[in-house]
PDB file of all heavy atoms in Angstrom:
ATOM      1  N   ASP A   1      14.488 -45.094 -38.538  1.00  0.00           N
ATOM      2  CA  ASP A   1      14.397 -46.533 -38.791  1.00  0.00           C
ATOM      3  C   ASP A   1      15.287 -47.262 -37.781  1.00  0.00           C
ATOM      4  O   ASP A   1      16.515 -47.164 -37.838  1.00  0.00           O
ATOM      5  CB  ASP A   1      14.845 -46.823 -40.224  1.00  0.00           C
ATOM      6  CG  ASP A   1      14.702 -48.289 -40.611  1.00  0.00           C
ATOM      7  OD1 ASP A   1      14.484 -49.125 -39.720  1.00  0.00           O
ATOM      8  OD2 ASP A   1      14.824 -48.583 -41.812  1.00  0.00           O
ATOM      9  N   LEU A   2      14.655 -47.975 -36.866  1.00  0.00           N
ATOM     10  CA  LEU A   2      15.376 -48.655 -35.785  1.00  0.00           C
ATOM     11  C   LEU A   2      15.893 -50.037 -36.182  1.00  0.00           C
ATOM     12  O   LEU A   2      16.468 -50.742 -35.346  1.00  0.00           O
ATOM     13  CB  LEU A   2      14.470 -48.796 -34.561  1.00  0.00           C
ATOM     14  CG  LEU A   2      13.701 -47.540 -34.132  1.00  0.00           C
ATOM     15  CD1 LEU A   2      12.861 -47.832 -32.899  1.00  0.00           C
ATOM     16  CD2 LEU A   2      14.653 -46.391 -33.874  1.00  0.00           C
ATOM     17  N   GLY A   3      15.678 -50.438 -37.431  1.00  0.00           N
ATOM     18  CA  GLY A   3      16.151 -51.737 -37.877  1.00  0.00           C
ATOM     19  C   GLY A   3      15.417 -52.874 -37.185  1.00  0.00           C
ATOM     20  O   GLY A   3      14.307 -52.726 -36.680  1.00  0.00           O
ATOM     21  N   GLY A   4      16.057 -54.041 -37.176  1.00  0.00           N
ATOM     22  CA  GLY A   4      15.465 -55.210 -36.522  1.00  0.00           C
ATOM     23  C   GLY A   4      15.843 -55.260 -35.060  1.00  0.00           C
ATOM     24  O   GLY A   4      16.332 -54.300 -34.488  1.00  0.00           O
ATOM     25  N   GLY A   5      15.634 -56.425 -34.466  1.00  0.00           N
ATOM     26  CA  GLY A   5      16.035 -56.612 -33.074  1.00  0.00           C
ATOM     27  C   GLY A   5      14.947 -57.150 -32.181  1.00  0.00           C
ATOM     28  O   GLY A   5      15.242 -57.773 -31.157  1.00  0.00           O
ATOM     29  N   LEU A   6      13.674 -56.898 -32.527  1.00  0.00           N
ATOM     30  CA  LEU A   6      12.595 -57.413 -31.694  1.00  0.00           C
ATOM     31  C   LEU A   6      12.703 -58.937 -31.645  1.00  0.00           C
ATOM     32  O   LEU A   6      12.565 -59.626 -32.653  1.00  0.00           O
ATOM     33  CB  LEU A   6      11.243 -56.988 -32.257  1.00  0.00           C
ATOM     34  CG  LEU A   6      10.006 -57.526 -31.531  1.00  0.00           C
ATOM     35  CD1 LEU A   6      10.000 -57.123 -30.065  1.00  0.00           C
ATOM     36  CD2 LEU A   6       8.728 -57.050 -32.221  1.00  0.00           C
ATOM     37  N   ALA A   7      12.959 -59.462 -30.458  1.00  0.00           N
ATOM     38  CA  ALA A   7      13.295 -60.881 -30.316  1.00  0.00           C
ATOM     39  C   ALA A   7      12.051 -61.755 -30.238  1.00  0.00           C
ATOM     40  O   ALA A   7      10.943 -61.287 -29.952  1.00  0.00           O
ATOM     41  CB  ALA A   7      14.162 -61.094 -29.079  1.00  0.00           C
ATOM     42  N   VAL A   8      12.263 -63.024 -30.469  1.00  0.00           N
ATOM     43  CA  VAL A   8      11.249 -64.067 -30.280  1.00  0.00           C
ATOM     44  C   VAL A   8      11.654 -64.883 -29.061  1.00  0.00           C
ATOM     45  O   VAL A   8      12.809 -65.281 -28.929  1.00  0.00           O
ATOM     46  CB  VAL A   8      11.153 -64.964 -31.527  1.00  0.00           C
ATOM     47  CG1 VAL A   8      10.284 -66.185 -31.256  1.00  0.00           C
ATOM     48  CG2 VAL A   8      10.605 -64.172 -32.718  1.00  0.00           C
ATOM     49  N   ASP A   9      10.701 -65.128 -28.174  1.00  0.00           N
ATOM     50  CA  ASP A   9      10.984 -65.901 -26.954  1.00  0.00           C
ATOM     51  C   ASP A   9      10.868 -67.388 -27.284  1.00  0.00           C
ATOM     52  O   ASP A   9       9.858 -68.033 -27.030  1.00  0.00           O
ATOM     53  CB  ASP A   9       9.992 -65.501 -25.855  1.00  0.00           C
ATOM     54  CG  ASP A   9      10.417 -66.002 -24.480  1.00  0.00           C
ATOM     55  OD1 ASP A   9      11.449 -66.701 -24.405  1.00  0.00           O
ATOM     56  OD2 ASP A   9       9.728 -65.699 -23.497  1.00  0.00           O
ATOM     57  N   TYR A  10      11.944 -67.937 -27.868  1.00  0.00           N
ATOM     58  CA  TYR A  10      11.910 -69.316 -28.353  1.00  0.00           C
ATOM     59  C   TYR A  10      11.735 -70.338 -27.239  1.00  0.00           C
ATOM     60  O   TYR A  10      11.173 -71.404 -27.458  1.00  0.00           O
ATOM     61  CB  TYR A  10      13.184 -69.634 -29.129  1.00  0.00           C
ATOM     62  CG  TYR A  10      13.261 -68.982 -30.488  1.00  0.00           C
ATOM     63  CD1 TYR A  10      13.910 -67.762 -30.658  1.00  0.00           C
ATOM     64  CD2 TYR A  10      12.693 -69.581 -31.601  1.00  0.00           C
ATOM     65  CE1 TYR A  10      14.002 -67.163 -31.902  1.00  0.00           C
ATOM     66  CE2 TYR A  10      12.778 -68.992 -32.856  1.00  0.00           C
ATOM     67  CZ  TYR A  10      13.424 -67.775 -32.998  1.00  0.00           C
ATOM     68  OH  TYR A  10      13.510 -67.176 -34.239  1.00  0.00           O
ATOM     69  N   ASP A  11      12.251 -70.042 -26.049  1.00  0.00           N
ATOM     70  CA  ASP A  11      12.141 -71.033 -24.974  1.00  0.00           C
ATOM     71  C   ASP A  11      11.064 -70.691 -23.956  1.00  0.00           C
ATOM     72  O   ASP A  11      10.795 -71.478 -23.042  1.00  0.00           O
ATOM     73  CB  ASP A  11      13.490 -71.247 -24.276  1.00  0.00           C
ATOM     74  CG  ASP A  11      14.037 -69.979 -23.623  1.00  0.00           C
ATOM     75  OD1 ASP A  11      13.264 -69.034 -23.393  1.00  0.00           O
ATOM     76  OD2 ASP A  11      15.250 -69.939 -23.340  1.00  0.00           O
ATOM     77  N   GLY A  12      10.454 -69.510 -24.080  1.00  0.00           N
ATOM     78  CA  GLY A  12       9.378 -69.135 -23.170  1.00  0.00           C
ATOM     79  C   GLY A  12       9.846 -68.771 -21.779  1.00  0.00           C
ATOM     80  O   GLY A  12       9.030 -68.678 -20.856  1.00  0.00           O
ATOM     81  N   SER A  13      11.142 -68.523 -21.591  1.00  0.00           N
ATOM     82  CA  SER A  13      11.655 -68.254 -20.242  1.00  0.00           C
ATOM     83  C   SER A  13      11.523 -66.785 -19.843  1.00  0.00           C
ATOM     84  O   SER A  13      11.670 -66.443 -18.677  1.00  0.00           O
ATOM     85  CB  SER A  13      13.125 -68.675 -20.144  1.00  0.00           C
ATOM     86  OG  SER A  13      13.937 -67.892 -21.011  1.00  0.00           O
ATOM     87  N   HIS A  14      11.293 -65.909 -20.799  1.00  0.00           N
ATOM     88  CA  HIS A  14      11.151 -64.471 -20.550  1.00  0.00           C
ATOM     89  C   HIS A  14      12.385 -63.930 -19.814  1.00  0.00           C
ATOM     90  O   HIS A  14      12.285 -63.222 -18.813  1.00  0.00           O
ATOM     91  CB  HIS A  14       9.877 -64.184 -19.748  1.00  0.00           C
ATOM     92  CG  HIS A  14       9.419 -62.751 -19.848  1.00  0.00           C
ATOM     93  ND1 HIS A  14       8.995 -62.192 -21.039  1.00  0.00           N
ATOM     94  CD2 HIS A  14       9.344 -61.759 -18.932  1.00  0.00           C
ATOM     95  CE1 HIS A  14       8.658 -60.930 -20.824  1.00  0.00           C
ATOM     96  NE2 HIS A  14       8.872 -60.647 -19.566  1.00  0.00           N
ATOM     97  N   THR A  15      13.556 -64.278 -20.345  1.00  0.00           N
ATOM     98  CA  THR A  15      14.829 -63.869 -19.746  1.00  0.00           C
ATOM     99  C   THR A  15      15.690 -63.206 -20.825  1.00  0.00           C
ATOM    100  O   THR A  15      15.309 -63.164 -22.002  1.00  0.00           O
ATOM    101  CB  THR A  15      15.587 -65.078 -19.188  1.00  0.00           C
ATOM    102  OG1 THR A  15      15.926 -65.970 -20.283  1.00  0.00           O
ATOM    103  CG2 THR A  15      14.746 -65.842 -18.175  1.00  0.00           C
ATOM    104  N   ASN A  16      16.872 -62.726 -20.421  1.00  0.00           N
ATOM    105  CA  ASN A  16      17.781 -62.158 -21.417  1.00  0.00           C
ATOM    106  C   ASN A  16      18.731 -63.215 -21.975  1.00  0.00           C
ATOM    107  O   ASN A  16      19.811 -62.902 -22.471  1.00  0.00           O
ATOM    108  CB  ASN A  16      18.575 -60.985 -20.830  1.00  0.00           C
ATOM    109  CG  ASN A  16      19.449 -61.395 -19.659  1.00  0.00           C
ATOM    110  OD1 ASN A  16      19.475 -62.562 -19.257  1.00  0.00           O
ATOM    111  ND2 ASN A  16      20.176 -60.446 -19.095  1.00  0.00           N
ATOM    112  N   TYR A  17      18.318 -64.473 -21.916  1.00  0.00           N
ATOM    113  CA  TYR A  17      19.057 -65.574 -22.533  1.00  0.00           C
ATOM    114  C   TYR A  17      18.994 -65.400 -24.060  1.00  0.00           C
ATOM    115  O   TYR A  17      18.049 -64.822 -24.605  1.00  0.00           O
ATOM    116  CB  TYR A  17      18.455 -66.915 -22.100  1.00  0.00           C
ATOM    117  CG  TYR A  17      19.134 -68.121 -22.676  1.00  0.00           C
ATOM    118  CD1 TYR A  17      20.459 -68.403 -22.381  1.00  0.00           C
ATOM    119  CD2 TYR A  17      18.439 -69.003 -23.512  1.00  0.00           C
ATOM    120  CE1 TYR A  17      21.086 -69.518 -22.908  1.00  0.00           C
ATOM    121  CE2 TYR A  17      19.056 -70.116 -24.049  1.00  0.00           C
ATOM    122  CZ  TYR A  17      20.379 -70.374 -23.744  1.00  0.00           C
ATOM    123  OH  TYR A  17      21.001 -71.471 -24.276  1.00  0.00           O
ATOM    124  N   THR A  18      20.000 -65.905 -24.759  1.00  0.00           N
ATOM    125  CA  THR A  18      20.134 -65.692 -26.202  1.00  0.00           C
ATOM    126  C   THR A  18      18.879 -66.039 -26.978  1.00  0.00           C
ATOM    127  O   THR A  18      18.510 -65.352 -27.927  1.00  0.00           O
ATOM    128  CB  THR A  18      21.317 -66.524 -26.739  1.00  0.00           C
ATOM    129  OG1 THR A  18      22.512 -66.097 -26.087  1.00  0.00           O
ATOM    130  CG2 THR A  18      21.470 -66.342 -28.237  1.00  0.00           C
ATOM    131  N   ASN A  19      18.195 -67.111 -26.609  1.00  0.00           N
ATOM    132  CA  ASN A  19      17.030 -67.566 -27.354  1.00  0.00           C
ATOM    133  C   ASN A  19      15.717 -67.100 -26.729  1.00  0.00           C
ATOM    134  O   ASN A  19      14.676 -67.698 -26.963  1.00  0.00           O
ATOM    135  CB  ASN A  19      17.035 -69.090 -27.455  1.00  0.00           C
ATOM    136  CG  ASN A  19      18.220 -69.593 -28.266  1.00  0.00           C
ATOM    137  OD1 ASN A  19      18.240 -69.480 -29.481  1.00  0.00           O
ATOM    138  ND2 ASN A  19      19.219 -70.133 -27.581  1.00  0.00           N
ATOM    139  N   SER A  20      15.787 -66.025 -25.975  1.00  0.00           N
ATOM    140  CA  SER A  20      14.590 -65.530 -25.303  1.00  0.00           C
ATOM    141  C   SER A  20      14.556 -64.011 -25.399  1.00  0.00           C
ATOM    142  O   SER A  20      15.261 -63.404 -26.221  1.00  0.00           O
ATOM    143  CB  SER A  20      14.589 -65.994 -23.836  1.00  0.00           C
ATOM    144  OG  SER A  20      13.413 -65.596 -23.175  1.00  0.00           O
ATOM    145  N   ARG A  21      13.722 -63.379 -24.576  1.00  0.00           N
ATOM    146  CA  ARG A  21      13.705 -61.921 -24.440  1.00  0.00           C
ATOM    147  C   ARG A  21      13.101 -61.586 -23.092  1.00  0.00           C
ATOM    148  O   ARG A  21      12.186 -62.285 -22.619  1.00  0.00           O
ATOM    149  CB  ARG A  21      12.919 -61.254 -25.571  1.00  0.00           C
ATOM    150  CG  ARG A  21      11.416 -61.456 -25.504  1.00  0.00           C
ATOM    151  CD  ARG A  21      10.715 -60.819 -26.692  1.00  0.00           C
ATOM    152  NE  ARG A  21       9.265 -60.793 -26.500  1.00  0.00           N
ATOM    153  CZ  ARG A  21       8.383 -60.561 -27.460  1.00  0.00           C
ATOM    154  NH1 ARG A  21       8.804 -60.340 -28.698  1.00  0.00           N
ATOM    155  NH2 ARG A  21       7.089 -60.533 -27.208  1.00  0.00           N
ATOM    156  N   ASN A  22      13.598 -60.530 -22.461  1.00  0.00           N
ATOM    157  CA  ASN A  22      13.128 -60.186 -21.120  1.00  0.00           C
ATOM    158  C   ASN A  22      12.129 -59.029 -21.146  1.00  0.00           C
ATOM    159  O   ASN A  22      12.029 -58.263 -20.197  1.00  0.00           O
ATOM    160  CB  ASN A  22      14.306 -59.858 -20.194  1.00  0.00           C
ATOM    161  CG  ASN A  22      15.068 -58.610 -20.640  1.00  0.00           C
ATOM    162  OD1 ASN A  22      14.741 -57.991 -21.647  1.00  0.00           O
ATOM    163  ND2 ASN A  22      16.100 -58.252 -19.874  1.00  0.00           N
ATOM    164  N   TYR A  23      11.390 -58.918 -22.247  1.00  0.00           N
ATOM    165  CA  TYR A  23      10.420 -57.834 -22.381  1.00  0.00           C
ATOM    166  C   TYR A  23       9.239 -58.307 -23.220  1.00  0.00           C
ATOM    167  O   TYR A  23       9.339 -59.284 -23.981  1.00  0.00           O
ATOM    168  CB  TYR A  23      11.069 -56.610 -23.050  1.00  0.00           C
ATOM    169  CG  TYR A  23      11.763 -56.916 -24.365  1.00  0.00           C
ATOM    170  CD1 TYR A  23      11.104 -56.794 -25.586  1.00  0.00           C
ATOM    171  CD2 TYR A  23      13.094 -57.336 -24.397  1.00  0.00           C
ATOM    172  CE1 TYR A  23      11.727 -57.072 -26.787  1.00  0.00           C
ATOM    173  CE2 TYR A  23      13.731 -57.612 -25.594  1.00  0.00           C
ATOM    174  CZ  TYR A  23      13.044 -57.488 -26.788  1.00  0.00           C
ATOM    175  OH  TYR A  23      13.672 -57.783 -27.970  1.00  0.00           O
ATOM    176  N   THR A  24       8.121 -57.608 -23.080  1.00  0.00           N
ATOM    177  CA  THR A  24       6.944 -57.882 -23.894  1.00  0.00           C
ATOM    178  C   THR A  24       6.898 -56.898 -25.061  1.00  0.00           C
ATOM    179  O   THR A  24       7.654 -55.924 -25.101  1.00  0.00           O
ATOM    180  CB  THR A  24       5.664 -57.737 -23.070  1.00  0.00           C
ATOM    181  OG1 THR A  24       5.551 -56.356 -22.650  1.00  0.00           O
ATOM    182  CG2 THR A  24       5.697 -58.633 -21.826  1.00  0.00           C
ATOM    183  N   LEU A  25       5.984 -57.120 -25.977  1.00  0.00           N
ATOM    184  CA  LEU A  25       5.813 -56.180 -27.082  1.00  0.00           C
ATOM    185  C   LEU A  25       5.360 -54.819 -26.553  1.00  0.00           C
ATOM    186  O   LEU A  25       5.802 -53.776 -27.055  1.00  0.00           O
ATOM    187  CB  LEU A  25       4.797 -56.729 -28.085  1.00  0.00           C
ATOM    188  CG  LEU A  25       4.523 -55.852 -29.313  1.00  0.00           C
ATOM    189  CD1 LEU A  25       5.802 -55.599 -30.101  1.00  0.00           C
ATOM    190  CD2 LEU A  25       3.461 -56.514 -30.204  1.00  0.00           C
ATOM    191  N   ASP A  26       4.505 -54.825 -25.540  1.00  0.00           N
ATOM    192  CA  ASP A  26       4.085 -53.565 -24.914  1.00  0.00           C
ATOM    193  C   ASP A  26       5.290 -52.786 -24.396  1.00  0.00           C
ATOM    194  O   ASP A  26       5.407 -51.565 -24.602  1.00  0.00           O
ATOM    195  CB  ASP A  26       3.125 -53.846 -23.750  1.00  0.00           C
ATOM    196  CG  ASP A  26       1.681 -53.922 -24.209  1.00  0.00           C
ATOM    197  OD1 ASP A  26       1.461 -53.954 -25.428  1.00  0.00           O
ATOM    198  OD2 ASP A  26       0.791 -53.937 -23.349  1.00  0.00           O
ATOM    199  N   GLU A  27       6.189 -53.483 -23.694  1.00  0.00           N
ATOM    200  CA  GLU A  27       7.376 -52.825 -23.142  1.00  0.00           C
ATOM    201  C   GLU A  27       8.297 -52.336 -24.253  1.00  0.00           C
ATOM    202  O   GLU A  27       8.877 -51.240 -24.155  1.00  0.00           O
ATOM    203  CB  GLU A  27       8.121 -53.798 -22.226  1.00  0.00           C
ATOM    204  CG  GLU A  27       7.366 -54.125 -20.946  1.00  0.00           C
ATOM    205  CD  GLU A  27       7.973 -55.301 -20.182  1.00  0.00           C
ATOM    206  OE1 GLU A  27       8.497 -56.222 -20.829  1.00  0.00           O
ATOM    207  OE2 GLU A  27       7.925 -55.281 -18.941  1.00  0.00           O
ATOM    208  N   TYR A  28       8.430 -53.113 -25.294  1.00  0.00           N
ATOM    209  CA  TYR A  28       9.268 -52.736 -26.431  1.00  0.00           C
ATOM    210  C   TYR A  28       8.764 -51.424 -27.042  1.00  0.00           C
ATOM    211  O   TYR A  28       9.538 -50.474 -27.225  1.00  0.00           O
ATOM    212  CB  TYR A  28       9.222 -53.865 -27.462  1.00  0.00           C
ATOM    213  CG  TYR A  28       9.896 -53.580 -28.785  1.00  0.00           C
ATOM    214  CD1 TYR A  28      11.277 -53.666 -28.916  1.00  0.00           C
ATOM    215  CD2 TYR A  28       9.145 -53.264 -29.915  1.00  0.00           C
ATOM    216  CE1 TYR A  28      11.902 -53.428 -30.136  1.00  0.00           C
ATOM    217  CE2 TYR A  28       9.751 -53.023 -31.144  1.00  0.00           C
ATOM    218  CZ  TYR A  28      11.125 -53.112 -31.244  1.00  0.00           C
ATOM    219  OH  TYR A  28      11.733 -52.874 -32.456  1.00  0.00           O
ATOM    220  N   CYS A  29       7.473 -51.362 -27.348  1.00  0.00           N
ATOM    221  CA  CYS A  29       6.903 -50.154 -27.962  1.00  0.00           C
ATOM    222  C   CYS A  29       6.991 -48.964 -27.007  1.00  0.00           C
ATOM    223  O   CYS A  29       7.364 -47.850 -27.413  1.00  0.00           O
ATOM    224  CB  CYS A  29       5.448 -50.404 -28.356  1.00  0.00           C
ATOM    225  SG  CYS A  29       5.234 -51.689 -29.604  1.00  0.00           S
ATOM    226  N   ALA A  30       6.661 -49.208 -25.742  1.00  0.00           N
ATOM    227  CA  ALA A  30       6.663 -48.109 -24.761  1.00  0.00           C
ATOM    228  C   ALA A  30       8.058 -47.542 -24.572  1.00  0.00           C
ATOM    229  O   ALA A  30       8.241 -46.314 -24.516  1.00  0.00           O
ATOM    230  CB  ALA A  30       6.098 -48.600 -23.436  1.00  0.00           C
ATOM    231  N   ASP A  31       9.064 -48.391 -24.475  1.00  0.00           N
ATOM    232  CA  ASP A  31      10.429 -47.912 -24.253  1.00  0.00           C
ATOM    233  C   ASP A  31      10.953 -47.125 -25.454  1.00  0.00           C
ATOM    234  O   ASP A  31      11.651 -46.108 -25.293  1.00  0.00           O
ATOM    235  CB  ASP A  31      11.361 -49.093 -23.956  1.00  0.00           C
ATOM    236  CG  ASP A  31      11.346 -49.476 -22.484  1.00  0.00           C
ATOM    237  OD1 ASP A  31      10.387 -49.108 -21.795  1.00  0.00           O
ATOM    238  OD2 ASP A  31      12.302 -50.128 -22.035  1.00  0.00           O
TER     239      ASP A  31
END
């Protein structure tokens, strides 16, 4: 059980900024 963590890209910047994420769902699952 990996817990939570999958982020929401609230600002759409696709970065590692606090309110974003620098990965897609595909990348998340693959990694």
